[in-house]
C-alpha cells in the first residue's frame, strides 16, 4: 500500500511539474505546502523558501484596475464551498517586484469526511496575450505615423466630451487645424519629408496643449484638438499660440528649408450641438473661413457667420455634384459660333454643360463650376463631358458632315492632371470619328498656371489632329508674353472687351491689338458675348473672324445641331 501511494504521489508530482499553469497548494491555515515549477517562476519563490509561509506573501494577487489586494476575494471563494472558483484577470506581483498578468482560480480541498484541509490556487500566465491586446488596441486607436490618436478614437472622445457638456454644462472647445503649403513639401522633396514634417508639427502643437487636452490626426495634414474644461476665450489664446508657433517653425530637409502655416477653426462645445459630426463640420467651416480671411489664423465659429454659411452652401453643392455624377444628371447644350469674314456653311459650335436637378430643372454651370474647382470635382466632370461627346460623335459620325468644329471647355485642374491627359489620349485611340472636328478650350489663366502641362497636353493632342482655343484671352496681364509658348488655333477674346465695344474706344483698341497679334501668329479670333448688331458690325470692320453670343444663337439642346438650316 505504501509503495502504491508513493507511486501515485510521484505521478501527481510529475503531472503538476509538467502542466503549463502555476499551481500552489495551501493548508487549512493558509500556509504554502507546494509550488510547481511554473508557480516558482511566476512568484519568484522556490518551493523550499515558500513552504510554511502565508499564501498572501508568496502569491500576491491584486486587482488589475484598482491595484487592491485579492486576499479577501480568495478567502471568500474558498469559504463558498466546493468546486473551482474563477478569480478572473489579476496582477501577480512576484518576490522580485516583477508583474505578471494572470488568470487566477481557487478551489478548496476537503478530506473524505468533508472537512476543509486546504486549497489549491491555479495561475495561467496571460502577459503575452495582454501585451498583444494592448498593442492591437493602441494600433486601432492611434495614428501610426505621428503616435497621436486617430480619427475614430477622436470621434469617440469628442462624443464623450459632448455628452459631458450636455450633462454638466461644463465648457469645452474644439479646434480643427489644416496645414497650409503642406503639398509643396511633398512635391518638392517627397512623401518621406512630408511624413517627417507631420511628426515635427505634432511636437509643435503638443508644446501648447495641456495634459488634459486631446490631440488627434484626422487625416492627411488635418488635426483636431479638444480643449477639455476650457472657456472659449482660453481656447482662443491657446489656438492662436499654436498658429503662431507653426508660422515661426521652419522645416529643414535634404538641405532645403520650408515654411508652412496653419489655418484653424474653433468651436465651443456646448448644449447647442446634438452630434459630434455637426461639431466637426462647424469646425471645418470655421477653418475654411480662416483660409478665406488670409490663412495662418484662427476663426472662431459664430452661428450667423456669412463666410461659414457660404462654405456650408458650397459643401451642399459639392454633395449635389457628387450625386449628379453618380446619377448621370448632366446634359449638353450647344451654341453656334458665326463666321464674320467669309461665307462658311459649316457649323462651328461650343458645347455647354447643364446640370439637371431633382425636379428636372436645368442648372447653369455658373452655379456649380466654381464649387467643382474648389472641391476637386472639375476633372470628374470634364471626364464625363469628354466621354459623352466622343461617344455621341462616334454614334453620329455619318451625320456630322456639316459640322466644322465642336469646342469642349476644360478646367485648369484637368490641364494640370497627367492622368486626364492619358484618359483623353486613350479615348481618341479607341473612338472612331473625325478628331479634327474637336477643339479643346482652355482658359488663359489655366494655361498660364499650368504652362508646362498645357504645352505637353496640346502637343500630345496634335498627334490626333485635335485643335485648341485659348479662352478668355486678354483677361490676364501677361497674355501676349505667354502666347508664343502655346500652340493654339483660336483666340477667344474675353467678353469684358466685347460687351460695350461700340461705346468704349479703349476696348476697341484692345480688340484691334489682339487681332493684329493673331494675324501675325496665324490664329483665328473669336469674340464672345456678342449681343447687339452694332457690336457685330464693328467686329466685322475690325477683322475679327468669328462671333459668338445671343445675337445670333441662344444655347439649345445638342440634338438640335442636326436641325436645318445648317
Protein backbone atom coordinates (compact mmCIF):
# COMPACT_ATOMS: atom_id res chain seq x y z
CA UNK A 1 0.00 0.00 0.00
CA UNK A 2 2.88 2.35 0.87
CA UNK A 3 4.50 1.50 -2.44
CA UNK A 4 1.26 2.21 -4.34
CA UNK A 5 0.78 5.53 -2.52
CA UNK A 6 4.37 6.55 -3.29
CA UNK A 7 3.89 5.75 -6.96
CA UNK A 8 0.65 7.75 -7.01
CA UNK A 9 2.31 10.75 -5.34
CA UNK A 10 5.15 10.58 -7.85
CA UNK A 11 2.71 10.58 -10.76
CA UNK A 12 0.85 13.57 -9.28
CA UNK A 13 4.12 15.45 -8.68
CA UNK A 14 5.33 14.83 -12.21
CA UNK A 15 1.96 15.83 -13.62
CA UNK A 16 1.98 19.12 -11.66
CA UNK A 17 5.52 19.82 -12.81
CA UNK A 18 4.61 19.22 -16.45
CA UNK A 19 1.47 21.33 -16.79
CA UNK A 20 1.69 24.86 -18.17
CA UNK A 21 -0.14 26.60 -15.32
CA UNK A 22 1.21 27.62 -11.95
CA UNK A 23 -0.16 25.51 -9.08
CA UNK A 24 0.05 26.41 -5.39
CA UNK A 25 -1.42 24.28 -2.62
CA UNK A 26 -2.01 25.68 0.84
CA UNK A 27 -3.08 24.08 4.11
CA UNK A 28 -6.12 24.87 6.24
CA UNK A 29 -4.19 27.71 7.93
CA UNK A 30 -3.43 29.36 4.60
CA UNK A 31 0.26 28.40 4.51
CA UNK A 32 2.00 27.21 1.38
CA UNK A 33 2.57 23.47 1.09
CA UNK A 34 3.61 23.10 -2.56
CA UNK A 35 4.56 25.11 -5.70
CA UNK A 36 5.07 23.58 -9.09
CA UNK A 37 7.94 24.94 -11.30
CA UNK A 38 5.63 27.34 -13.20
CA UNK A 39 4.41 28.80 -9.91
CA UNK A 40 8.03 29.16 -8.75
CA UNK A 41 8.85 31.08 -11.91
CA UNK A 42 5.80 33.36 -11.63
CA UNK A 43 6.08 34.14 -7.90
CA UNK A 44 9.87 34.22 -7.70
CA UNK A 45 9.79 31.84 -4.71
CA UNK A 46 11.35 28.40 -4.62
CA UNK A 47 9.43 25.53 -3.05
CA UNK A 48 11.88 25.32 -0.15
CA UNK A 49 11.64 29.05 0.61
CA UNK A 50 7.87 29.21 0.22
CA UNK A 51 6.86 26.19 2.33
CA UNK A 52 5.18 27.27 5.54
CA UNK A 53 4.84 30.90 4.55
CA UNK A 54 1.43 32.61 4.32
CA UNK A 55 -0.01 32.27 0.85
CA UNK A 56 -0.63 36.01 0.51
CA UNK A 57 3.11 36.61 0.98
CA UNK A 58 4.12 34.09 -1.69
CA UNK A 59 1.23 34.73 -4.10
CA UNK A 60 0.46 38.44 -4.04
CA UNK A 61 -2.57 38.98 -6.28
CA UNK A 62 -4.01 42.46 -6.85
CA UNK A 63 -6.90 43.73 -8.95
CA UNK A 64 -5.69 44.87 -12.39
CA UNK A 65 -7.83 48.02 -12.27
CA UNK A 66 -7.61 49.42 -8.74
CA UNK A 67 -4.49 47.54 -7.50
CA UNK A 68 -6.29 46.38 -4.34
CA UNK A 69 -5.32 43.02 -2.82
CA UNK A 70 -7.43 39.98 -3.75
CA UNK A 71 -6.71 38.21 -0.43
CA UNK A 72 -10.29 38.65 0.84
CA UNK A 73 -11.69 37.53 -2.52
CA UNK A 74 -9.62 34.33 -2.34
CA UNK A 75 -10.81 33.60 1.19
CA UNK A 76 -14.44 34.23 0.21
CA UNK A 77 -14.03 31.88 -2.75
CA UNK A 78 -12.72 29.09 -0.51
CA UNK A 79 -15.43 29.64 2.06
CA UNK A 80 -18.12 29.40 -0.59
CA UNK A 81 -17.98 25.61 -0.77
CA UNK A 82 -16.75 23.06 -3.26
CA UNK A 83 -15.69 23.45 -6.87
CA UNK A 84 -13.34 25.68 -8.79
CA UNK A 85 -13.96 29.43 -8.36
CA UNK A 86 -12.55 31.75 -11.07
CA UNK A 87 -10.92 34.89 -9.71
CA UNK A 88 -10.60 36.42 -13.17
CA UNK A 89 -7.81 38.55 -14.61
CA UNK A 90 -5.36 39.80 -11.96
CA UNK A 91 -1.81 41.06 -11.50
CA UNK A 92 0.65 38.75 -9.75
CA UNK A 93 3.42 40.70 -8.01
CA UNK A 94 6.50 38.50 -7.73
CA UNK A 95 9.12 38.35 -5.00
CA UNK A 96 11.47 40.37 -7.25
CA UNK A 97 8.92 43.16 -7.94
CA UNK A 98 8.04 41.83 -11.39
CA UNK A 99 4.42 41.82 -12.50
CA UNK A 100 2.60 39.16 -14.49
CA UNK A 101 -0.91 39.28 -15.89
CA UNK A 102 -2.59 36.03 -14.86
CA UNK A 103 -5.93 34.27 -15.00
CA UNK A 104 -6.37 33.04 -11.41
CA UNK A 105 -8.71 30.48 -9.91
CA UNK A 106 -9.10 28.90 -6.44
CA UNK A 107 -10.57 25.60 -5.30
CA UNK A 108 -10.99 24.20 -1.74
CA UNK A 109 -9.57 20.77 -0.75
CA UNK A 110 -11.69 18.58 1.51
CA UNK A 111 -10.87 15.27 3.17
CA UNK A 112 -13.05 12.19 2.81
CA UNK A 113 -15.17 13.41 5.71
CA UNK A 114 -15.81 16.76 4.01
CA UNK A 115 -13.62 18.82 6.30
CA UNK A 116 -11.67 21.71 4.69
CA UNK A 117 -8.00 20.80 4.81
CA UNK A 118 -6.56 23.31 2.32
CA UNK A 119 -6.90 24.84 -1.09
CA UNK A 120 -5.27 24.97 -4.50
CA UNK A 121 -4.57 28.12 -6.49
CA UNK A 122 -4.02 27.95 -10.26
CA UNK A 123 -2.31 30.73 -12.21
CA UNK A 124 -2.25 30.95 -16.00
CA UNK A 125 0.20 33.50 -17.35
CA UNK A 126 -1.57 35.73 -19.93
CA UNK A 127 1.03 38.51 -20.03
CA UNK A 128 1.79 37.98 -23.72
CA UNK A 129 -1.89 37.96 -24.65
CA UNK A 130 -2.34 41.13 -22.60
CA UNK A 131 0.61 42.78 -24.35
CA UNK A 132 -0.70 41.82 -27.78
CA UNK A 133 -4.17 43.03 -26.83
CA UNK A 134 -2.79 46.37 -25.69
CA UNK A 135 -0.75 46.67 -28.87
CA UNK A 136 -3.77 45.93 -31.05
CA UNK A 137 -5.85 48.41 -29.06
CA UNK A 138 -3.13 51.04 -29.46
CA UNK A 139 -2.90 50.44 -33.20
CA UNK A 140 -6.67 50.64 -33.52
CA UNK A 141 -6.84 53.98 -31.70
CA UNK A 142 -3.60 55.73 -32.71
CA UNK A 143 -2.09 57.13 -35.89
CA UNK A 144 0.93 55.01 -36.80
CA UNK A 145 2.84 57.94 -38.30
CA UNK A 146 2.58 60.55 -35.55
CA UNK A 147 1.70 58.48 -32.48
CA UNK A 148 -1.31 60.61 -31.54
CA UNK A 149 -4.85 59.24 -31.56
CA UNK A 150 -6.62 58.65 -34.87
CA UNK A 151 -9.94 59.84 -36.29
CA UNK A 152 -12.08 57.01 -34.85
CA UNK A 153 -10.75 57.42 -31.32
CA UNK A 154 -11.05 61.19 -31.59
CA UNK A 155 -14.71 60.83 -32.57
CA UNK A 156 -15.29 58.61 -29.53
CA UNK A 157 -13.66 61.08 -27.16
CA UNK A 158 -15.41 64.05 -28.75
CA UNK A 159 -18.72 62.26 -28.26
CA UNK A 160 -17.85 61.73 -24.58
CA UNK A 161 -16.92 65.43 -24.23
CA UNK A 162 -20.18 66.48 -25.87
CA UNK A 163 -22.16 64.19 -23.56
CA UNK A 164 -20.37 65.76 -20.59
CA UNK A 165 -21.23 69.24 -21.88
CA UNK A 166 -24.91 68.25 -22.02
CA UNK A 167 -24.87 66.60 -18.59
CA UNK A 168 -22.82 69.06 -16.52
CA UNK A 169 -22.84 72.26 -18.64
CA UNK A 170 -19.04 72.30 -18.48
CA UNK A 171 -17.25 74.47 -21.06
CA UNK A 172 -15.13 72.76 -23.70
CA UNK A 173 -13.82 73.74 -27.15
CA UNK A 174 -12.94 72.00 -30.42
CA UNK A 175 -10.15 73.13 -32.74
CA UNK A 176 -9.72 71.97 -36.36
CA UNK A 177 -6.26 72.61 -37.87
CA UNK A 178 -5.37 72.42 -41.56
CA UNK A 179 -1.76 72.96 -42.63
CA UNK A 180 -1.05 75.45 -45.43
CA UNK A 181 1.58 74.70 -48.09
CA UNK A 182 2.00 71.08 -46.96
CA UNK A 183 1.64 69.81 -50.54
CA UNK A 184 4.58 71.99 -51.55
CA UNK A 185 6.87 69.98 -49.26
CA UNK A 186 5.56 66.65 -50.58
CA UNK A 187 6.02 67.75 -54.18
CA UNK A 188 9.46 69.28 -53.61
CA UNK A 189 11.24 66.61 -51.57
CA UNK A 190 8.92 63.60 -51.44
CA UNK A 191 6.47 61.91 -49.09
CA UNK A 192 9.16 60.82 -46.63
CA UNK A 193 9.82 64.51 -45.99
CA UNK A 194 6.09 65.13 -45.66
CA UNK A 195 5.84 62.38 -43.05
CA UNK A 196 8.72 63.85 -41.05
CA UNK A 197 7.13 67.30 -41.27
CA UNK A 198 3.88 65.95 -39.81
CA UNK A 199 5.77 64.37 -36.89
CA UNK A 200 7.54 67.65 -36.17
CA UNK A 201 4.32 69.66 -36.43
CA UNK A 202 2.72 67.37 -33.84
CA UNK A 203 5.59 68.15 -31.48
CA UNK A 204 4.99 71.88 -32.06
CA UNK A 205 1.27 71.51 -31.26
CA UNK A 206 1.96 69.41 -28.16
CA UNK A 207 4.06 72.20 -26.66
CA UNK A 208 0.97 74.39 -26.35
CA UNK A 209 -1.83 71.99 -25.42
CA UNK A 210 -2.47 70.98 -21.81
CA UNK A 211 -2.14 67.49 -20.37
CA UNK A 212 -5.95 67.18 -20.21
CA UNK A 213 -6.45 68.13 -23.86
CA UNK A 214 -6.85 65.61 -26.68
CA UNK A 215 -4.93 65.94 -29.97
CA UNK A 216 -5.56 63.73 -32.99
CA UNK A 217 -4.61 63.40 -36.62
CA UNK A 218 -7.87 63.47 -38.56
CA UNK A 219 -6.34 62.67 -41.94
CA UNK A 220 -3.65 63.95 -44.31
CA UNK A 221 -2.46 67.29 -42.94
CA UNK A 222 -5.52 67.87 -40.72
CA UNK A 223 -5.53 67.75 -36.91
CA UNK A 224 -8.12 68.11 -34.19
CA UNK A 225 -7.78 69.26 -30.59
CA UNK A 226 -10.39 69.02 -27.83
CA UNK A 227 -9.78 71.55 -25.05
CA UNK A 228 -11.37 69.90 -22.02
CA UNK A 229 -12.99 72.10 -19.37
CA UNK A 230 -11.80 75.24 -21.13
CA UNK A 231 -13.60 78.51 -21.88
CA UNK A 232 -13.72 79.68 -25.47
CA UNK A 233 -11.54 82.68 -24.52
CA UNK A 234 -8.81 80.43 -23.08
CA UNK A 235 -9.10 78.10 -26.08
CA UNK A 236 -8.66 81.09 -28.43
CA UNK A 237 -5.44 82.05 -26.67
CA UNK A 238 -4.04 78.52 -26.99
CA UNK A 239 -5.21 78.19 -30.61
CA UNK A 240 -3.60 81.50 -31.57
CA UNK A 241 -0.34 80.40 -29.93
CA UNK A 242 -0.39 77.13 -31.88
CA UNK A 243 -0.83 79.00 -35.17
CA UNK A 244 1.96 81.44 -34.28
CA UNK A 245 4.30 78.59 -33.33
CA UNK A 246 3.62 76.77 -36.59
CA UNK A 247 4.14 80.00 -38.54
CA UNK A 248 7.53 80.53 -36.84
CA UNK A 249 8.57 76.90 -37.34
CA UNK A 250 10.92 76.13 -40.25
CA UNK A 251 11.19 72.62 -41.61
CA UNK A 252 14.59 71.56 -42.96
CA UNK A 253 15.07 68.50 -45.13
CA UNK A 254 17.79 67.47 -47.62
CA UNK A 255 19.42 70.88 -47.40
CA UNK A 256 16.17 72.74 -48.11
CA UNK A 257 14.21 74.97 -45.76
CA UNK A 258 10.41 75.21 -45.84
CA UNK A 259 7.78 77.39 -44.21
CA UNK A 260 4.31 76.02 -43.56
CA UNK A 261 1.41 77.80 -41.94
CA UNK A 262 -1.81 76.65 -40.34
CA UNK A 263 -5.42 77.76 -40.58
CA UNK A 264 -7.70 76.78 -37.72
CA UNK A 265 -11.38 76.77 -36.85
CA UNK A 266 -12.52 76.97 -33.22
CA UNK A 267 -15.95 75.95 -31.95
CA UNK A 268 -17.37 76.00 -28.39
CA UNK A 269 -18.59 72.54 -27.34
CA UNK A 270 -21.90 73.14 -25.59
CA UNK A 271 -25.55 72.04 -25.48
CA UNK A 272 -26.43 73.55 -28.87
CA UNK A 273 -24.70 70.66 -30.66
CA UNK A 274 -26.54 67.35 -30.94
CA UNK A 275 -23.82 65.28 -32.60
CA UNK A 276 -20.04 65.26 -32.87
CA UNK A 277 -20.39 65.21 -36.68
CA UNK A 278 -22.16 68.59 -36.57
CA UNK A 279 -19.39 69.91 -34.32
CA UNK A 280 -16.65 68.78 -36.70
CA UNK A 281 -18.48 70.22 -39.70
CA UNK A 282 -18.76 73.58 -37.91
CA UNK A 283 -15.05 73.49 -37.03
CA UNK A 284 -14.18 72.62 -40.63
CA UNK A 285 -16.32 75.52 -41.87
CA UNK A 286 -14.62 77.87 -39.40
CA UNK A 287 -11.24 76.65 -40.70
CA UNK A 288 -12.39 77.38 -44.24
CA UNK A 289 -13.31 80.90 -43.09
CA UNK A 290 -9.79 81.31 -41.65
CA UNK A 291 -8.35 80.39 -45.06
CA UNK A 292 -10.72 82.80 -46.81
CA UNK A 293 -9.59 85.61 -44.48
CA UNK A 294 -5.94 85.15 -45.47
CA UNK A 295 -4.74 81.90 -43.87
CA UNK A 296 -2.43 81.39 -40.90
CA UNK A 297 -5.06 82.44 -38.39
CA UNK A 298 -7.87 81.17 -36.14
CA UNK A 299 -11.53 81.77 -36.93
CA UNK A 300 -14.00 81.25 -34.10
CA UNK A 301 -17.39 79.88 -35.10
CA UNK A 302 -20.41 82.17 -34.89
CA UNK A 303 -23.92 80.89 -35.76
CA UNK A 304 -24.67 83.72 -38.22
CA UNK A 305 -21.22 83.88 -39.82
CA UNK A 306 -21.61 84.76 -43.52
CA UNK A 307 -18.35 83.09 -44.56
CA UNK A 308 -19.28 79.87 -42.77
CA UNK A 309 -22.77 79.90 -44.25
CA UNK A 310 -21.26 80.34 -47.72
CA UNK A 311 -18.96 77.38 -47.08
CA UNK A 312 -21.91 75.26 -45.97
CA UNK A 313 -23.76 76.16 -49.15
CA UNK A 314 -20.71 75.19 -51.20
CA UNK A 315 -20.47 71.85 -49.39
CA UNK A 316 -24.13 71.21 -50.20
CA UNK A 317 -23.36 71.98 -53.84
CA UNK A 318 -20.40 69.60 -53.72
CA UNK A 319 -22.67 66.83 -52.46
CA UNK A 320 -25.20 67.64 -55.20
CA UNK A 321 -22.44 67.44 -57.81
CA UNK A 322 -21.28 64.08 -56.46
CA UNK A 323 -24.84 62.77 -56.69
CA UNK A 324 -25.31 64.23 -60.19
CA UNK A 325 -22.15 62.49 -61.40
CA UNK A 326 -23.28 59.19 -59.90
CA UNK A 327 -26.78 59.53 -61.41
CA UNK A 328 -25.70 60.93 -64.78
CA UNK A 329 -27.69 64.15 -64.20
CA UNK A 330 -25.88 66.28 -66.77
CA UNK A 331 -26.90 67.27 -70.28
CA UNK A 332 -25.09 69.06 -73.12
CA UNK A 333 -26.25 72.17 -74.98
CA UNK A 334 -24.58 73.92 -77.89
CA UNK A 335 -24.16 77.50 -79.11
CA UNK A 336 -23.21 78.40 -82.64
CA UNK A 337 -20.03 80.34 -83.43
CA UNK A 338 -20.76 82.51 -86.51
CA UNK A 339 -18.13 83.42 -89.16
CA UNK A 340 -17.84 87.17 -89.81
CA UNK A 341 -15.37 87.44 -92.68
CA UNK A 342 -16.44 84.67 -95.06
CA UNK A 343 -19.35 82.57 -96.14
CA UNK A 344 -18.96 79.27 -94.33
CA UNK A 345 -21.67 76.66 -94.46
CA UNK A 346 -20.06 74.53 -91.75
CA UNK A 347 -21.43 74.71 -88.22
CA UNK A 348 -18.97 75.73 -85.51
CA UNK A 349 -20.28 75.05 -82.02
CA UNK A 350 -19.24 75.39 -78.41
CA UNK A 351 -20.69 72.73 -76.12
CA UNK A 352 -22.18 73.98 -72.86
CA UNK A 353 -22.84 71.92 -69.76
CA UNK A 354 -26.08 71.91 -67.80
CA UNK A 355 -26.98 70.01 -64.64
CA UNK A 356 -30.46 68.59 -64.14
CA UNK A 357 -31.70 68.96 -60.55
CA UNK A 358 -34.00 66.55 -58.75
CA UNK A 359 -37.05 68.46 -60.02
CA UNK A 360 -35.96 68.25 -63.64
CA UNK A 361 -34.87 71.90 -63.85
CA UNK A 362 -31.70 72.92 -65.69
CA UNK A 363 -28.90 74.49 -63.66
CA UNK A 364 -26.39 76.71 -65.48
CA UNK A 365 -22.68 75.96 -64.94
CA UNK A 366 -22.06 79.35 -63.29
CA UNK A 367 -23.85 77.99 -60.22
CA UNK A 368 -21.61 74.96 -59.72
CA UNK A 369 -18.36 75.05 -61.70
CA UNK A 370 -16.60 77.24 -59.12
CA UNK A 371 -17.54 74.75 -56.40
CA UNK A 372 -16.40 71.89 -58.64
CA UNK A 373 -12.97 73.53 -58.93
CA UNK A 374 -12.63 74.15 -55.18
CA UNK A 375 -13.71 70.65 -54.22
CA UNK A 376 -11.62 68.96 -56.96
CA UNK A 377 -14.64 67.65 -58.84
CA UNK A 378 -13.95 69.55 -62.07
CA UNK A 379 -11.79 66.81 -63.59
CA UNK A 380 -14.51 64.22 -62.95
CA UNK A 381 -16.99 66.49 -64.73
CA UNK A 382 -14.55 67.01 -67.62
CA UNK A 383 -14.15 63.26 -67.94
CA UNK A 384 -17.93 62.88 -68.18
CA UNK A 385 -18.14 65.60 -70.83
CA UNK A 386 -15.28 64.26 -72.97
CA UNK A 387 -16.52 60.66 -72.73
CA UNK A 388 -20.10 61.72 -73.59
CA UNK A 389 -19.08 63.95 -76.52
CA UNK A 390 -16.74 61.37 -78.02
CA UNK A 391 -19.39 58.66 -77.73
CA UNK A 392 -22.00 60.98 -79.29
CA UNK A 393 -19.71 61.92 -82.18
CA UNK A 394 -18.89 58.29 -82.82
CA UNK A 395 -22.59 57.39 -82.88
CA UNK A 396 -23.44 60.31 -85.23
CA UNK A 397 -20.24 60.44 -87.28
CA UNK A 398 -22.16 59.94 -90.54
CA UNK A 399 -24.40 62.94 -89.77
CA UNK A 400 -21.64 65.40 -88.84
CA UNK A 401 -20.51 66.36 -92.34
CA UNK A 402 -21.94 69.88 -91.87
CA UNK A 403 -20.14 70.36 -88.51
CA UNK A 404 -16.75 72.04 -88.66
CA UNK A 405 -15.70 72.39 -85.01
CA UNK A 406 -17.08 71.11 -81.70
CA UNK A 407 -15.47 73.01 -78.83
CA UNK A 408 -15.17 71.43 -75.36
CA UNK A 409 -14.23 73.51 -72.31
CA UNK A 410 -11.65 72.02 -69.94
CA UNK A 411 -10.89 73.11 -66.38
CA UNK A 412 -7.49 74.14 -65.08
CA UNK A 413 -7.42 71.04 -62.87
CA UNK A 414 -7.73 68.80 -65.91
CA UNK A 415 -4.99 70.66 -67.77
CA UNK A 416 -2.60 70.01 -64.87
CA UNK A 417 -3.63 66.36 -64.46
CA UNK A 418 -1.43 63.91 -66.36
CA UNK A 419 -3.92 61.11 -65.69
CA UNK A 420 -6.57 63.15 -67.51
CA UNK A 421 -4.20 63.57 -70.44
CA UNK A 422 -3.78 59.79 -70.65
CA UNK A 423 -7.55 59.33 -70.32
CA UNK A 424 -8.28 61.59 -73.32
CA UNK A 425 -5.49 60.04 -75.39
CA UNK A 426 -6.87 56.54 -74.74
CA UNK A 427 -10.37 57.65 -75.80
CA UNK A 428 -9.05 59.19 -79.01
CA UNK A 429 -7.23 55.98 -79.87
CA UNK A 430 -10.32 53.80 -79.31
CA UNK A 431 -13.17 56.05 -80.56
CA UNK A 432 -13.70 56.41 -84.32
CA UNK A 433 -14.75 59.84 -85.66
CA UNK A 434 -13.07 62.81 -87.33
CA UNK A 435 -10.84 64.02 -84.47
CA UNK A 436 -10.06 67.20 -86.40
CA UNK A 437 -13.56 68.43 -85.50
CA UNK A 438 -12.65 68.51 -81.79
CA UNK A 439 -11.40 71.77 -80.30
CA UNK A 440 -10.47 71.93 -76.60
CA UNK A 441 -10.97 75.32 -74.99
CA UNK A 442 -8.53 76.25 -72.22
CA UNK A 443 -8.87 79.46 -70.24
CA UNK A 444 -5.90 81.76 -70.42
CA UNK A 445 -5.48 81.67 -66.61
CA UNK A 446 -5.47 77.86 -66.54
CA UNK A 447 -2.91 77.72 -69.35
CA UNK A 448 -0.56 80.17 -67.62
CA UNK A 449 -0.89 78.45 -64.23
CA UNK A 450 -0.11 75.06 -65.80
CA UNK A 451 2.11 76.18 -68.68
CA UNK A 452 4.31 73.08 -68.89
CA UNK A 453 1.36 70.67 -68.57
CA UNK A 454 -0.74 72.71 -71.03
CA UNK A 455 2.05 72.66 -73.63
CA UNK A 456 2.53 68.91 -73.15
CA UNK A 457 -1.22 68.27 -73.47
CA UNK A 458 -1.51 70.35 -76.61
CA UNK A 459 1.48 68.61 -78.17
CA UNK A 460 0.03 65.17 -77.35
CA UNK A 461 -3.38 66.04 -78.82
CA UNK A 462 -1.89 67.46 -82.02
CA UNK A 463 -0.89 63.93 -82.99
CA UNK A 464 -4.63 63.13 -83.26
CA UNK A 465 -5.50 66.32 -85.14
CA UNK A 466 -7.25 67.96 -82.19
CA UNK A 467 -7.39 71.77 -82.25
CA UNK A 468 -7.19 74.25 -79.35
CA UNK A 469 -8.67 77.59 -78.38
CA UNK A 470 -7.37 79.96 -75.70
CA UNK A 471 -10.49 81.15 -73.89
CA UNK A 472 -10.96 84.50 -72.07
CA UNK A 473 -7.94 85.86 -73.91
CA UNK A 474 -6.85 89.31 -72.74
CA UNK A 475 -8.06 88.85 -69.15
CA UNK A 476 -4.50 88.21 -67.97
CA UNK A 477 -1.87 90.92 -67.78
CA UNK A 478 0.75 88.76 -69.50
CA UNK A 479 -1.42 87.41 -72.32
CA UNK A 480 0.88 88.25 -75.24
CA UNK A 481 4.02 87.17 -73.39
CA UNK A 482 2.74 83.63 -72.92
CA UNK A 483 1.07 83.34 -76.31
CA UNK A 484 4.29 82.37 -78.10
CA UNK A 485 4.60 79.31 -75.81
CA UNK A 486 1.13 77.94 -76.57
CA UNK A 487 0.35 76.36 -79.93
CA UNK A 488 -3.37 77.22 -80.20
CA UNK A 489 -5.64 77.71 -83.22
CA UNK A 490 -8.16 80.22 -81.85
CA UNK A 491 -8.04 83.22 -79.53
CA UNK A 492 -11.41 83.78 -77.84
CA UNK A 493 -11.42 87.42 -76.76
CA UNK A 494 -12.63 87.92 -73.19
CA UNK A 495 -16.22 89.20 -73.01
CA UNK A 496 -15.28 92.24 -70.92
CA UNK A 497 -13.83 93.81 -74.08
CA UNK A 498 -16.86 92.96 -76.26
CA UNK A 499 -20.00 93.94 -74.31
CA UNK A 500 -19.52 97.70 -74.62
CA UNK A 501 -17.27 97.59 -77.67
CA UNK A 502 -19.33 100.07 -79.71
CA UNK A 503 -19.03 102.75 -76.96
CA UNK A 504 -15.59 102.05 -75.46
CA UNK A 505 -12.62 103.17 -77.57
CA UNK A 506 -10.10 101.51 -75.21
CA UNK A 507 -11.80 98.17 -75.74
CA UNK A 508 -11.79 98.77 -79.48
CA UNK A 509 -8.05 99.39 -79.40
CA UNK A 510 -7.54 96.24 -77.31
CA UNK A 511 -9.55 94.10 -79.73
CA UNK A 512 -7.60 95.51 -82.71
CA UNK A 513 -4.35 94.73 -80.91
CA UNK A 514 -5.45 91.12 -80.31
CA UNK A 515 -6.47 90.81 -83.97
CA UNK A 516 -3.07 92.09 -85.13
CA UNK A 517 -1.18 89.64 -82.89
CA UNK A 518 -3.41 86.76 -84.05
CA UNK A 519 -2.77 87.64 -87.68
CA UNK A 520 0.99 87.56 -87.10
CA UNK A 521 0.88 84.25 -85.19
CA UNK A 522 -1.60 82.63 -87.62
CA UNK A 523 -4.52 82.24 -85.24
CA UNK A 524 -8.24 82.89 -85.74
CA UNK A 525 -10.05 85.29 -83.41
CA UNK A 526 -13.43 84.71 -81.78
CA UNK A 527 -15.42 87.41 -79.96
CA UNK A 528 -17.63 86.21 -77.10
CA UNK A 529 -20.81 87.80 -75.69
CA UNK A 530 -21.90 89.47 -78.94
CA UNK A 531 -25.42 90.69 -78.19
CA UNK A 532 -26.07 93.67 -80.50
CA UNK A 533 -25.82 94.25 -84.23
CA UNK A 534 -23.71 97.36 -83.61
CA UNK A 535 -21.06 95.29 -81.86
CA UNK A 536 -21.18 92.61 -84.55
CA UNK A 537 -20.82 95.23 -87.29
CA UNK A 538 -17.81 96.78 -85.56
CA UNK A 539 -16.18 93.37 -85.07
CA UNK A 540 -16.57 92.69 -88.79
CA UNK A 541 -14.92 96.01 -89.58
CA UNK A 542 -12.03 95.35 -87.18
CA UNK A 543 -11.44 92.00 -88.84
CA UNK A 544 -12.45 89.52 -86.12
CA UNK A 545 -13.06 86.09 -87.66
CA UNK A 546 -15.94 84.69 -85.55
CA UNK A 547 -18.64 85.96 -83.22
CA UNK A 548 -20.49 84.08 -80.51
CA UNK A 549 -23.41 85.32 -78.46
CA UNK A 550 -27.14 85.64 -78.00
CA UNK A 551 -27.49 87.94 -81.02
CA UNK A 552 -27.37 85.05 -83.49
CA UNK A 553 -27.91 81.93 -81.41
CA UNK A 554 -29.08 81.05 -77.95
CA UNK A 555 -27.87 77.75 -76.40
CA UNK A 556 -30.01 74.78 -77.45
CA UNK A 557 -30.04 71.03 -76.72
CA UNK A 558 -27.25 69.20 -78.54
CA UNK A 559 -29.66 67.16 -80.67
CA UNK A 560 -30.79 70.38 -82.39
CA UNK A 561 -27.39 70.71 -84.04
CA UNK A 562 -28.86 68.49 -86.78
CA UNK A 563 -31.87 70.74 -87.34
CA UNK A 564 -31.75 72.81 -90.57
CA UNK A 565 -30.75 75.36 -91.60
CA UNK A 566 -27.13 74.37 -91.21
